[in-house]
């Protein structure tokens, strides 16, 4: 297993890190971790919601396995990448930083830094039914944008990876259908334009 002091850093992404890592990397591979599964189980108070109107974001929750993306970061950028990830992922300390055995698509086994949900945290939502999840996601907006955009982007990238997540796919289909039924707001032709 690739690990050890002075070695490159591996990072496992299962949500927005898959499509917006935000750090330099040398390699990117489809990968899998065992013992955890992807779940919309975190109330978002910062990135996709507020404390008054939370959104929902993904966490790695106990049980099963999760396919995502592993990034190899050059050792020279390891510490700055970890600092960046802590600032991004730990805004409210809802995740536990872990290094997990991660199997790359080419068969290599590496140890990757990732973030699993802290079930004892007040923002842990647990398992919600489809309608409740849809209701929360529909209304969530935070510093990083609208909650539906996050869910739809993640669903699209999972399909590109060849990963079928039935819960996320069902939610994304419902959100996409709602978006297609929402009329676009068009300004009247006589409206004045600010210069």
Protein backbone atom coordinates (compact mmCIF):
# COMPACT_ATOMS: atom_id res chain seq x y z
CA UNK A 1 0.00 0.00 0.00
CA UNK A 2 1.35 3.41 -0.97
CA UNK A 3 1.76 5.46 2.19
CA UNK A 4 4.44 6.74 4.54
CA UNK A 5 6.22 9.89 5.61
CA UNK A 6 7.54 11.93 2.72
CA UNK A 7 5.17 10.24 0.26
CA UNK A 8 2.69 11.93 -2.04
CA UNK A 9 -0.74 12.61 -0.58
CA UNK A 10 -3.81 10.76 -1.83
CA UNK A 11 -7.25 12.37 -1.40
CA UNK A 12 -10.55 10.53 -1.89
CA UNK A 13 -13.49 12.59 -3.14
CA UNK A 14 -17.08 11.36 -3.20
CA UNK A 15 -19.06 14.62 -3.64
CA UNK A 16 -18.07 18.03 -4.97
CA UNK A 17 -14.37 17.18 -4.65
CA UNK A 18 -14.86 14.81 -7.59
CA UNK A 19 -15.67 17.67 -9.97
CA UNK A 20 -14.19 20.69 -8.16
CA UNK A 21 -11.13 19.57 -6.20
CA UNK A 22 -9.62 23.05 -5.86
CA UNK A 23 -6.05 21.79 -5.39
CA UNK A 24 -3.25 20.76 -7.79
CA UNK A 25 -2.89 17.04 -8.42
CA UNK A 26 -0.65 14.71 -10.43
CA UNK A 27 -3.09 11.86 -10.99
CA UNK A 28 -6.85 11.32 -10.90
CA UNK A 29 -8.39 7.84 -10.78
CA UNK A 30 -11.75 6.23 -10.23
CA UNK A 31 -11.52 4.57 -6.82
CA UNK A 32 -13.47 2.80 -4.08
CA UNK A 33 -13.46 2.77 -0.29
CA UNK A 34 -15.12 0.03 1.74
CA UNK A 35 -16.93 0.36 5.05
CA UNK A 36 -18.63 3.64 4.13
CA UNK A 37 -21.29 4.77 1.68
CA UNK A 38 -22.18 8.12 0.08
CA UNK A 39 -25.23 9.73 1.72
CA UNK A 40 -26.98 13.10 1.79
CA UNK A 41 -26.76 12.97 5.57
CA UNK A 42 -25.28 16.35 6.53
CA UNK A 43 -27.33 19.48 7.17
CA UNK A 44 -25.41 22.27 5.44
CA UNK A 45 -25.24 25.54 7.37
CA UNK A 46 -22.57 27.20 5.22
CA UNK A 47 -21.97 25.96 1.66
CA UNK A 48 -25.49 24.94 0.57
CA UNK A 49 -27.72 26.33 3.30
CA UNK A 50 -27.84 28.40 6.48
CA UNK A 51 -28.53 27.53 10.13
CA UNK A 52 -32.03 29.01 9.66
CA UNK A 53 -32.67 27.11 6.42
CA UNK A 54 -30.23 24.22 6.08
CA UNK A 55 -29.47 22.42 2.87
CA UNK A 56 -28.15 18.86 2.59
CA UNK A 57 -24.69 17.79 1.49
CA UNK A 58 -22.96 14.47 1.18
CA UNK A 59 -21.05 12.63 3.84
CA UNK A 60 -19.46 9.22 4.03
CA UNK A 61 -21.63 7.28 6.48
CA UNK A 62 -20.94 3.87 8.00
CA UNK A 63 -21.59 0.70 6.04
CA UNK A 64 -21.29 -0.52 2.45
CA UNK A 65 -18.81 0.91 -0.02
CA UNK A 66 -18.40 4.07 -2.06
CA UNK A 67 -17.04 4.68 -5.53
CA UNK A 68 -15.52 8.09 -6.13
CA UNK A 69 -12.27 9.69 -7.29
CA UNK A 70 -8.78 9.53 -5.81
CA UNK A 71 -6.31 12.35 -6.46
CA UNK A 72 -2.54 12.05 -6.08
CA UNK A 73 -1.02 15.28 -4.77
CA UNK A 74 2.72 15.86 -4.99
CA UNK A 75 4.39 15.76 -1.58
CA UNK A 76 5.51 19.38 -2.10
CA UNK A 77 1.83 20.44 -2.09
CA UNK A 78 0.60 18.03 0.57
CA UNK A 79 0.48 20.37 3.57
CA UNK A 80 -1.15 23.25 1.69
CA UNK A 81 -3.71 20.80 0.25
CA UNK A 82 -4.56 19.47 3.71
CA UNK A 83 -4.94 23.03 5.01
CA UNK A 84 -7.20 23.89 2.06
CA UNK A 85 -9.35 20.78 2.61
CA UNK A 86 -9.71 21.48 6.32
CA UNK A 87 -10.86 25.04 5.61
CA UNK A 88 -13.30 23.83 2.94
CA UNK A 89 -14.68 20.70 4.57
CA UNK A 90 -14.50 21.59 8.25
CA UNK A 91 -16.32 24.95 8.35
CA UNK A 92 -18.54 23.53 11.13
CA UNK A 93 -16.46 20.45 12.09
CA UNK A 94 -19.18 18.01 10.97
CA UNK A 95 -16.65 15.62 9.43
CA UNK A 96 -13.94 13.43 10.87
CA UNK A 97 -10.67 13.45 8.96
CA UNK A 98 -9.65 9.88 8.16
CA UNK A 99 -7.06 8.05 6.09
CA UNK A 100 -8.74 5.07 4.49
CA UNK A 101 -7.57 2.16 2.37
CA UNK A 102 -8.63 3.09 -1.15
CA UNK A 103 -8.59 0.79 -4.17
CA UNK A 104 -7.82 2.53 -7.46
CA UNK A 105 -9.40 1.38 -10.72
CA UNK A 106 -6.00 0.07 -11.87
CA UNK A 107 -5.83 -2.22 -8.82
CA UNK A 108 -3.40 -0.26 -6.65
CA UNK A 109 -4.23 0.08 -2.97
CA UNK A 110 -3.40 3.47 -1.45
CA UNK A 111 -4.17 5.28 1.78
CA UNK A 112 -6.27 8.35 1.03
CA UNK A 113 -7.31 11.31 3.14
CA UNK A 114 -11.07 11.70 3.23
CA UNK A 115 -13.86 13.08 5.38
CA UNK A 116 -16.48 10.89 7.06
CA UNK A 117 -19.53 12.24 8.84
CA UNK A 118 -19.45 12.62 12.61
CA UNK A 119 -22.67 10.94 13.70
CA UNK A 120 -22.51 12.74 17.06
CA UNK A 121 -22.58 16.19 15.41
CA UNK A 122 -25.78 18.25 15.51
CA UNK A 123 -25.66 18.58 11.71
CA UNK A 124 -25.84 14.83 11.17
CA UNK A 125 -29.20 14.29 9.46
CA UNK A 126 -29.13 10.50 9.35
CA UNK A 127 -31.28 8.73 6.80
CA UNK A 128 -34.13 10.90 5.52
CA UNK A 129 -36.92 9.74 3.24
CA UNK A 130 -37.14 10.96 -0.36
CA UNK A 131 -39.82 13.62 0.16
CA UNK A 132 -38.12 15.17 3.18
CA UNK A 133 -34.77 15.17 1.38
CA UNK A 134 -36.32 16.81 -1.67
CA UNK A 135 -38.00 19.47 0.47
CA UNK A 136 -34.75 20.39 2.24
CA UNK A 137 -32.60 20.40 -0.90
CA UNK A 138 -35.16 22.44 -2.84
CA UNK A 139 -34.84 25.37 -0.40
CA UNK A 140 -31.14 25.30 0.45
CA UNK A 141 -28.86 28.15 -0.64
CA UNK A 142 -25.47 28.90 0.90
CA UNK A 143 -22.09 30.48 0.23
CA UNK A 144 -21.30 27.98 -2.53
CA UNK A 145 -24.68 28.27 -4.25
CA UNK A 146 -28.02 26.55 -4.50
CA UNK A 147 -28.45 23.08 -3.02
CA UNK A 148 -30.21 21.67 -6.13
CA UNK A 149 -27.20 22.64 -8.28
CA UNK A 150 -24.90 20.68 -5.96
CA UNK A 151 -27.09 17.57 -6.15
CA UNK A 152 -27.50 17.78 -9.93
CA UNK A 153 -23.76 18.34 -10.54
CA UNK A 154 -22.86 15.41 -8.31
CA UNK A 155 -25.38 13.15 -10.05
CA UNK A 156 -24.02 14.09 -13.49
CA UNK A 157 -20.44 13.39 -12.45
CA UNK A 158 -21.39 10.05 -10.94
CA UNK A 159 -22.95 9.03 -14.25
CA UNK A 160 -19.75 10.09 -16.04
CA UNK A 161 -17.83 7.82 -13.65
CA UNK A 162 -20.21 4.95 -14.40
CA UNK A 163 -21.52 4.99 -10.83
CA UNK A 164 -25.23 4.37 -10.26
CA UNK A 165 -26.46 5.86 -6.99
CA UNK A 166 -30.22 5.16 -7.02
CA UNK A 167 -31.12 7.60 -4.23
CA UNK A 168 -29.16 10.49 -5.71
CA UNK A 169 -30.37 9.67 -9.24
CA UNK A 170 -34.02 9.73 -8.10
CA UNK A 171 -33.51 13.03 -6.30
CA UNK A 172 -31.71 14.58 -9.28
CA UNK A 173 -34.49 13.44 -11.64
CA UNK A 174 -37.13 15.08 -9.43
CA UNK A 175 -35.12 18.32 -9.20
CA UNK A 176 -34.49 18.38 -12.97
CA UNK A 177 -38.20 17.84 -13.64
CA UNK A 178 -39.11 20.70 -11.29
CA UNK A 179 -36.55 22.98 -12.96
CA UNK A 180 -37.97 22.20 -16.40
CA UNK A 181 -41.45 23.20 -15.22
CA UNK A 182 -40.29 26.52 -13.71
CA UNK A 183 -40.94 29.36 -16.17
CA UNK A 184 -38.01 31.59 -16.97
CA UNK A 185 -38.27 35.17 -15.72
CA UNK A 186 -38.12 37.48 -18.71
CA UNK A 187 -37.86 41.23 -18.26
CA UNK A 188 -40.46 43.26 -20.17
CA UNK A 189 -39.23 44.86 -23.38
CA UNK A 190 -40.02 48.30 -22.00
CA UNK A 191 -37.95 47.86 -18.84
CA UNK A 192 -35.16 50.38 -18.44
CA UNK A 193 -31.60 49.13 -18.26
CA UNK A 194 -29.17 50.51 -15.72
CA UNK A 195 -25.96 51.64 -17.36
